[in-house]
């Protein structure tokens, strides 16, 4: 199946990026902060709580309660930064419910033509038949941009998928996010924030399939014929790889890395019936640092932060009855982090990106189609796993 447009997929990607105002690298001002004006302030926001981890180097971070949405502590929560593969959470929020997990697709050269050079790959090959279930394993476990592009192609193309992701971000009230590509790879103007990434994770974890994929440690992936090879989740707190121990109670969610974005990670863990979400963006050092800082913030949240008063809130999606956040009293916006990359903010009296997207195919469907056939998909999971085991 090819895109209906005569434009090449690469050209469509470029046009989609050009059609949207480029978001700022600085956070939202306190006058428009979603979730509360404290989340737009500079400096650590933690109420009267004490004992926060020392030596946190991340440019932005947030700790929130999954069930209540209360933000327990944050630092530059609305700072707009390159998200890397954590943006795949929004891709999953947007596309995961669209196809039965047992549906099959034979990968083509066209599916993979626009996968950026240097991408993380799971190993999708043209000519091999994959189930949707296997492709999502490739997305979540190996952060495979090749699997993302195949699914985006099945969804009608890169441009359509980007438009739907942007519309989904609007519905989730993730207004710091500007989508240029569905895979999270470095592109000028592709930005998100710790607050928005936490919204994506919270929304995704309400879906059984999303939760199952992000907590899966290993899986067998097709290699052609009846052959398979094992893939392992790249979330080091989940697997304990690279010298890190498995974090107690960890349930996912998604990590990311590019040379431009550095390391990003949104993690979720459950202890004593409480689930916390932590997002850490751009720590000073690479490697394990993003996981160490996430673990330290989770430890604080389950410990001294357990009684911390909220400093803000993760808002609910508009399609699920979430109230549109009212502007808070105007105040000084948070300063951008030194070296943050991105074009200047679009004028506040310029055209709305959402108005520009109104004509994009599938945008209305994203906002109106929040209720997918979950029962059918849950039943399909068992069938897909059974089919996978028979072929391994």
Protein backbone atom coordinates (compact mmCIF):
# COMPACT_ATOMS: atom_id res chain seq x y z
CA UNK A 1 0.00 0.00 0.00
CA UNK A 2 1.48 3.36 -1.03
CA UNK A 3 0.66 6.87 0.15
CA UNK A 4 -2.19 8.33 -1.84
CA UNK A 5 -0.28 11.57 -2.39
CA UNK A 6 2.05 11.83 -5.40
CA UNK A 7 4.62 13.45 -3.16
CA UNK A 8 7.43 11.22 -2.04
CA UNK A 9 7.37 10.32 1.63
CA UNK A 10 10.49 12.38 2.20
CA UNK A 11 8.91 15.44 0.61
CA UNK A 12 5.74 14.89 2.62
CA UNK A 13 7.79 14.82 5.79
CA UNK A 14 9.41 18.11 4.90
CA UNK A 15 6.08 19.75 4.07
CA UNK A 16 4.57 18.56 7.33
CA UNK A 17 7.41 20.09 9.28
CA UNK A 18 7.17 23.36 7.35
CA UNK A 19 3.42 23.62 7.82
CA UNK A 20 3.69 23.87 11.59
CA UNK A 21 5.14 26.80 13.54
CA UNK A 22 8.42 25.73 15.10
CA UNK A 23 8.11 25.47 18.87
CA UNK A 24 10.45 27.34 21.15
CA UNK A 25 13.32 25.72 22.99
CA UNK A 26 12.25 27.63 26.09
CA UNK A 27 9.36 26.52 28.29
CA UNK A 28 5.86 27.92 28.33
CA UNK A 29 5.47 31.13 30.29
CA UNK A 30 3.67 31.09 33.61
CA UNK A 31 0.79 32.82 31.86
CA UNK A 32 -0.01 29.70 29.83
CA UNK A 33 1.45 26.83 31.86
CA UNK A 34 -0.56 23.63 31.68
CA UNK A 35 -0.86 21.90 35.04
CA UNK A 36 -0.25 24.94 37.22
CA UNK A 37 1.90 28.04 37.15
CA UNK A 38 4.56 26.58 39.45
CA UNK A 39 5.49 24.12 36.72
CA UNK A 40 6.59 27.03 34.53
CA UNK A 41 8.87 28.54 37.15
CA UNK A 42 12.63 28.22 37.13
CA UNK A 43 14.29 26.27 39.90
CA UNK A 44 13.18 23.15 41.76
CA UNK A 45 9.50 23.03 42.70
CA UNK A 46 8.88 20.71 45.62
CA UNK A 47 6.58 22.41 48.12
CA UNK A 48 7.71 21.78 51.68
CA UNK A 49 9.26 18.44 50.80
CA UNK A 50 12.83 17.71 51.82
CA UNK A 51 15.48 15.21 50.98
CA UNK A 52 15.42 15.55 47.20
CA UNK A 53 18.36 13.83 45.53
CA UNK A 54 21.49 15.91 45.33
CA UNK A 55 23.66 16.29 42.26
CA UNK A 56 20.81 16.03 39.76
CA UNK A 57 22.25 17.20 36.45
CA UNK A 58 19.23 16.88 34.16
CA UNK A 59 18.05 19.98 32.35
CA UNK A 60 14.48 19.04 33.18
CA UNK A 61 12.70 16.46 35.34
CA UNK A 62 9.37 15.68 36.96
CA UNK A 63 7.94 13.28 39.56
CA UNK A 64 4.20 12.57 39.45
CA UNK A 65 1.60 10.20 40.83
CA UNK A 66 0.14 8.04 38.07
CA UNK A 67 -3.34 7.68 39.59
CA UNK A 68 -4.02 11.19 40.86
CA UNK A 69 -1.88 13.08 38.38
CA UNK A 70 -0.38 15.14 41.20
CA UNK A 71 3.09 16.49 40.45
CA UNK A 72 5.17 15.98 43.57
CA UNK A 73 8.28 17.80 42.40
CA UNK A 74 9.70 19.21 39.19
CA UNK A 75 12.50 21.18 37.63
CA UNK A 76 11.71 23.13 34.47
CA UNK A 77 8.86 20.76 33.69
CA UNK A 78 7.83 22.68 30.56
CA UNK A 79 11.36 23.15 29.21
CA UNK A 80 11.19 22.33 25.51
CA UNK A 81 13.96 19.94 24.56
CA UNK A 82 14.66 17.30 21.94
CA UNK A 83 12.84 14.14 23.12
CA UNK A 84 14.66 11.38 21.18
CA UNK A 85 12.85 8.04 21.23
CA UNK A 86 10.69 8.88 24.22
CA UNK A 87 8.48 10.50 21.57
CA UNK A 88 7.60 6.96 20.51
CA UNK A 89 5.22 6.94 23.49
CA UNK A 90 3.10 9.50 21.64
CA UNK A 91 3.40 7.41 18.47
CA UNK A 92 2.03 4.43 20.41
CA UNK A 93 -0.71 6.54 22.01
CA UNK A 94 -1.77 7.54 18.50
CA UNK A 95 -1.38 4.37 16.43
CA UNK A 96 -1.38 1.35 18.76
CA UNK A 97 -5.15 0.89 18.71
CA UNK A 98 -5.54 1.06 14.96
CA UNK A 99 -4.56 -2.46 13.88
CA UNK A 100 -5.36 -5.91 15.18
CA UNK A 101 -2.21 -7.40 16.66
CA UNK A 102 -2.57 -10.52 14.53
CA UNK A 103 -2.69 -8.55 11.27
CA UNK A 104 0.28 -9.28 9.02
CA UNK A 105 2.30 -7.01 6.76
CA UNK A 106 5.13 -7.87 4.38
CA UNK A 107 7.75 -5.15 4.69
CA UNK A 108 8.79 -3.34 1.51
CA UNK A 109 11.68 -1.13 0.46
CA UNK A 110 9.24 1.81 0.39
CA UNK A 111 8.37 1.22 4.06
CA UNK A 112 12.01 1.71 5.02
CA UNK A 113 13.07 4.35 2.50
CA UNK A 114 12.90 7.27 4.93
CA UNK A 115 14.38 5.69 8.04
CA UNK A 116 17.07 8.22 9.05
CA UNK A 117 20.68 7.17 8.80
CA UNK A 118 22.09 6.35 12.22
CA UNK A 119 18.71 5.25 13.60
CA UNK A 120 18.22 2.57 16.21
CA UNK A 121 16.93 -0.49 14.35
CA UNK A 122 15.28 -3.74 15.33
CA UNK A 123 16.16 -5.43 12.04
CA UNK A 124 13.07 -5.22 9.82
CA UNK A 125 13.89 -6.56 6.34
CA UNK A 126 11.97 -6.10 3.08
CA UNK A 127 10.16 -9.25 2.01
CA UNK A 128 9.66 -10.66 5.51
CA UNK A 129 6.12 -11.07 6.83
CA UNK A 130 5.54 -9.51 10.27
CA UNK A 131 2.58 -9.40 12.59
CA UNK A 132 1.60 -6.05 14.04
CA UNK A 133 2.38 -7.57 17.44
CA UNK A 134 5.98 -8.22 16.37
CA UNK A 135 6.37 -4.72 14.96
CA UNK A 136 5.24 -3.20 18.26
CA UNK A 137 7.73 -5.38 20.09
CA UNK A 138 10.36 -3.87 17.81
CA UNK A 139 9.17 -0.36 18.68
CA UNK A 140 9.04 -0.80 22.45
CA UNK A 141 11.93 -3.18 23.11
CA UNK A 142 14.54 -2.10 20.59
CA UNK A 143 13.22 1.40 19.87
CA UNK A 144 13.34 0.40 16.22
CA UNK A 145 12.82 3.30 13.85
CA UNK A 146 12.41 0.74 11.08
CA UNK A 147 9.40 -0.78 12.89
CA UNK A 148 7.98 2.70 13.47
CA UNK A 149 8.22 3.54 9.78
CA UNK A 150 6.53 0.31 8.72
CA UNK A 151 3.63 0.99 11.09
CA UNK A 152 3.45 4.62 9.98
CA UNK A 153 3.32 3.48 6.37
CA UNK A 154 0.51 1.09 7.25
CA UNK A 155 -1.24 4.05 8.87
CA UNK A 156 -1.24 6.02 5.62
CA UNK A 157 2.23 7.54 5.56
CA UNK A 158 4.61 9.73 7.52
CA UNK A 159 2.77 13.01 6.95
CA UNK A 160 -0.59 11.59 8.04
CA UNK A 161 0.91 9.96 11.11
CA UNK A 162 2.73 13.13 12.13
CA UNK A 163 -0.50 15.12 11.79
CA UNK A 164 -2.38 12.59 13.90
CA UNK A 165 0.36 12.60 16.55
CA UNK A 166 0.22 16.38 16.75
CA UNK A 167 -3.55 16.23 17.10
CA UNK A 168 -3.20 13.60 19.80
CA UNK A 169 -0.72 15.81 21.64
CA UNK A 170 -3.26 18.62 21.54
CA UNK A 171 -5.97 16.33 22.92
CA UNK A 172 -3.63 15.28 25.75
CA UNK A 173 -2.91 18.99 26.36
CA UNK A 174 0.77 18.34 25.66
CA UNK A 175 1.28 21.80 24.20
CA UNK A 176 5.08 21.86 24.51
CA UNK A 177 5.34 19.13 21.88
CA UNK A 178 6.05 19.71 18.22
CA UNK A 179 6.18 16.57 16.10
CA UNK A 180 8.27 16.40 12.94
CA UNK A 181 8.76 12.64 12.62
CA UNK A 182 7.06 9.69 14.31
CA UNK A 183 10.29 8.03 15.47
CA UNK A 184 11.72 10.81 17.65
CA UNK A 185 14.94 11.05 15.65
CA UNK A 186 16.72 14.41 15.52
CA UNK A 187 14.92 16.87 13.27
CA UNK A 188 14.97 20.69 13.52
CA UNK A 189 12.05 21.81 15.65
CA UNK A 190 11.17 18.37 17.05
CA UNK A 191 10.65 19.15 20.71
CA UNK A 192 8.78 18.07 23.81
CA UNK A 193 9.08 18.49 27.58
CA UNK A 194 9.30 16.42 30.73
CA UNK A 195 5.70 17.35 31.47
CA UNK A 196 4.44 16.26 28.06
CA UNK A 197 6.40 13.01 28.01
CA UNK A 198 4.90 12.16 31.39
CA UNK A 199 1.43 12.82 29.98
CA UNK A 200 2.18 10.41 27.12
CA UNK A 201 3.31 7.71 29.55
CA UNK A 202 0.37 8.17 31.89
CA UNK A 203 -2.11 7.96 29.03
CA UNK A 204 -0.36 4.96 27.50
CA UNK A 205 -0.26 2.97 30.72
CA UNK A 206 -4.06 2.99 30.81
CA UNK A 207 -3.92 0.72 27.75
CA UNK A 208 -3.25 -2.97 28.43
CA UNK A 209 -1.20 -3.47 25.26
CA UNK A 210 0.97 -0.40 25.86
CA UNK A 211 1.63 -1.57 29.42
CA UNK A 212 2.46 -5.09 28.30
CA UNK A 213 4.90 -3.98 25.61
CA UNK A 214 6.80 -1.46 27.73
CA UNK A 215 7.31 -4.04 30.49
CA UNK A 216 8.44 -6.88 28.18
CA UNK A 217 12.11 -7.72 28.70
CA UNK A 218 12.83 -10.05 25.77
CA UNK A 219 11.07 -11.36 22.68
CA UNK A 220 11.78 -13.38 19.55
CA UNK A 221 11.82 -11.36 16.33
CA UNK A 222 11.47 -12.77 12.79
CA UNK A 223 14.65 -13.27 10.79
CA UNK A 224 13.01 -14.81 7.72
CA UNK A 225 11.46 -18.20 7.21
CA UNK A 226 11.08 -19.93 10.55
CA UNK A 227 14.18 -18.31 11.99
CA UNK A 228 14.06 -15.76 14.81
CA UNK A 229 16.52 -13.83 16.91
CA UNK A 230 16.11 -12.53 20.43
CA UNK A 231 15.67 -8.83 21.15
CA UNK A 232 16.06 -7.27 24.59
CA UNK A 233 14.44 -4.16 26.00
CA UNK A 234 16.85 -1.21 26.04
CA UNK A 235 15.36 0.10 29.33
CA UNK A 236 18.23 -0.60 31.69
CA UNK A 237 16.14 -0.22 34.85
CA UNK A 238 13.92 -2.99 33.51
CA UNK A 239 16.69 -5.38 32.46
CA UNK A 240 19.50 -4.46 34.85
CA UNK A 241 21.92 -4.23 31.92
CA UNK A 242 25.22 -2.32 31.84
CA UNK A 243 25.89 -2.72 35.53
CA UNK A 244 22.56 -1.37 36.73
CA UNK A 245 20.40 -3.46 39.00
CA UNK A 246 16.76 -3.96 38.06
CA UNK A 247 14.76 -1.24 39.81
CA UNK A 248 12.31 -2.62 42.38
CA UNK A 249 8.75 -2.35 41.09
CA UNK A 250 9.71 -1.06 37.63
CA UNK A 251 6.99 -1.39 34.97
CA UNK A 252 8.53 0.50 32.02
CA UNK A 253 8.23 2.93 30.17
CA UNK A 254 10.54 4.32 27.42
CA UNK A 255 14.09 5.52 26.99
CA UNK A 256 15.73 7.51 24.23
CA UNK A 257 19.08 8.71 22.98
CA UNK A 258 20.41 10.69 20.05
CA UNK A 259 23.63 12.63 19.68
CA UNK A 260 21.62 15.87 19.71
CA UNK A 261 19.10 15.07 22.45
CA UNK A 262 21.44 13.16 24.69
CA UNK A 263 19.65 10.77 27.04
CA UNK A 264 15.96 10.98 27.87
CA UNK A 265 13.85 8.58 29.92
CA UNK A 266 10.37 8.22 31.34
CA UNK A 267 10.10 5.49 33.93
CA UNK A 268 7.21 4.12 35.98
CA UNK A 269 7.35 1.96 39.09
CA UNK A 270 4.84 0.58 41.58
CA UNK A 271 5.35 0.02 45.31
CA UNK A 272 2.76 -0.65 47.99
CA UNK A 273 -0.05 -0.02 45.54
CA UNK A 274 1.23 3.37 44.39
CA UNK A 275 2.60 4.03 40.90
CA UNK A 276 4.94 6.94 40.25
CA UNK A 277 6.08 8.42 36.96
CA UNK A 278 9.46 10.11 36.52
CA UNK A 279 10.81 11.81 33.42
CA UNK A 280 14.44 12.90 33.18
CA UNK A 281 15.76 14.83 30.19
CA UNK A 282 19.32 15.60 29.15
CA UNK A 283 21.51 14.82 32.19
CA UNK A 284 25.05 16.12 31.97
CA UNK A 285 26.60 12.69 31.50
CA UNK A 286 25.59 9.88 29.17
CA UNK A 287 25.43 6.16 29.75
CA UNK A 288 23.70 5.20 32.96
CA UNK A 289 23.20 8.70 34.38
CA UNK A 290 19.64 9.14 33.09
CA UNK A 291 18.66 5.87 34.80
CA UNK A 292 20.48 6.70 38.03
CA UNK A 293 18.75 10.07 38.30
CA UNK A 294 15.40 8.48 37.50
CA UNK A 295 15.94 5.83 40.18
CA UNK A 296 16.96 8.49 42.71
CA UNK A 297 13.79 10.50 42.03
CA UNK A 298 11.63 7.38 42.26
CA UNK A 299 13.28 6.52 45.59
CA UNK A 300 12.49 10.02 46.83
CA UNK A 301 8.90 9.80 45.62
CA UNK A 302 8.29 6.50 47.38
CA UNK A 303 10.10 7.74 50.49
CA UNK A 304 10.24 11.33 51.71
CA UNK A 305 8.14 12.51 48.81
CA UNK A 306 5.24 10.20 49.68
CA UNK A 307 3.58 12.97 51.71
CA UNK A 308 4.77 15.88 49.55
CA UNK A 309 2.09 18.44 48.70
CA UNK A 310 1.41 18.75 45.00
CA UNK A 311 3.06 21.55 43.07
CA UNK A 312 1.01 20.93 39.93
CA UNK A 313 -1.06 18.35 38.12
CA UNK A 314 -0.99 16.15 35.05
CA UNK A 315 -4.12 17.22 33.21
CA UNK A 316 -6.62 14.79 31.69
CA UNK A 317 -7.16 14.50 27.93
CA UNK A 318 -9.81 16.77 26.47
CA UNK A 319 -11.50 13.75 24.88
CA UNK A 320 -11.87 12.15 28.31
CA UNK A 321 -13.51 15.14 29.93
CA UNK A 322 -10.38 17.00 30.90
CA UNK A 323 -11.02 20.69 31.39
CA UNK A 324 -9.04 23.06 29.24
CA UNK A 325 -6.41 24.54 31.50
CA UNK A 326 -7.19 28.14 32.36
CA UNK A 327 -4.40 30.67 32.01
CA UNK A 328 -2.70 31.29 35.31
CA UNK A 329 -1.63 34.75 36.51
CA UNK A 330 1.09 36.05 34.27
CA UNK A 331 4.63 35.90 35.51
CA UNK A 332 8.18 35.38 34.37
CA UNK A 333 8.65 32.33 32.18
CA UNK A 334 11.36 29.82 32.82
CA UNK A 335 14.65 30.60 31.19
CA UNK A 336 15.86 28.27 28.50
CA UNK A 337 18.67 25.94 29.40
CA UNK A 338 22.07 27.01 28.05
CA UNK A 339 22.68 25.48 24.68
CA UNK A 340 19.08 24.39 24.15
CA UNK A 341 18.44 23.92 20.46
CA UNK A 342 15.42 25.15 18.57
CA UNK A 343 14.12 28.06 16.56
CA UNK A 344 12.52 31.10 18.10
CA UNK A 345 9.00 30.79 19.39
CA UNK A 346 6.24 31.42 16.94
CA UNK A 347 4.32 34.63 17.46
CA UNK A 348 1.41 34.27 19.85
CA UNK A 349 -0.82 36.08 17.39
CA UNK A 350 0.27 33.94 14.46
CA UNK A 351 -1.73 31.10 12.93
CA UNK A 352 -2.60 28.24 15.25
CA UNK A 353 -0.80 24.98 14.36
CA UNK A 354 -4.07 23.19 15.01
CA UNK A 355 -5.87 25.32 12.42
CA UNK A 356 -3.15 24.41 9.91
CA UNK A 357 -3.75 20.77 10.70
CA UNK A 358 -7.54 20.84 10.32
CA UNK A 359 -7.37 19.58 6.76
CA UNK A 360 -4.93 16.76 7.47
CA UNK A 361 -6.39 13.34 6.84
CA UNK A 362 -7.21 11.48 10.00
CA UNK A 363 -6.91 14.41 12.44
CA UNK A 364 -10.58 14.44 13.30
CA UNK A 365 -10.51 10.67 13.54
CA UNK A 366 -7.79 10.81 16.17
CA UNK A 367 -9.75 13.14 18.42
CA UNK A 368 -13.08 11.44 17.87
CA UNK A 369 -11.81 7.88 17.85
CA UNK A 370 -10.56 7.59 21.41
CA UNK A 371 -12.65 4.50 22.03
CA UNK A 372 -10.98 1.68 20.12
CA UNK A 373 -12.02 -1.97 20.16
CA UNK A 374 -9.92 -2.86 23.19
CA UNK A 375 -11.68 -6.14 23.85
CA UNK A 376 -10.84 -7.36 20.37
CA UNK A 377 -7.22 -6.34 20.73
CA UNK A 378 -6.82 -7.99 24.12
CA UNK A 379 -8.12 -11.22 22.69
CA UNK A 380 -5.71 -10.80 19.79
CA UNK A 381 -2.70 -10.56 22.11
CA UNK A 382 -3.03 -14.16 23.18
CA UNK A 383 -3.45 -15.30 19.59
CA UNK A 384 -0.43 -13.28 18.48
CA UNK A 385 1.77 -14.69 21.24
CA UNK A 386 0.64 -18.21 20.46
CA UNK A 387 1.43 -17.69 16.80
CA UNK A 388 4.84 -16.24 17.71
CA UNK A 389 5.71 -19.22 19.91
CA UNK A 390 4.79 -21.67 17.17
CA UNK A 391 7.16 -19.95 14.78
CA UNK A 392 10.11 -19.63 17.15
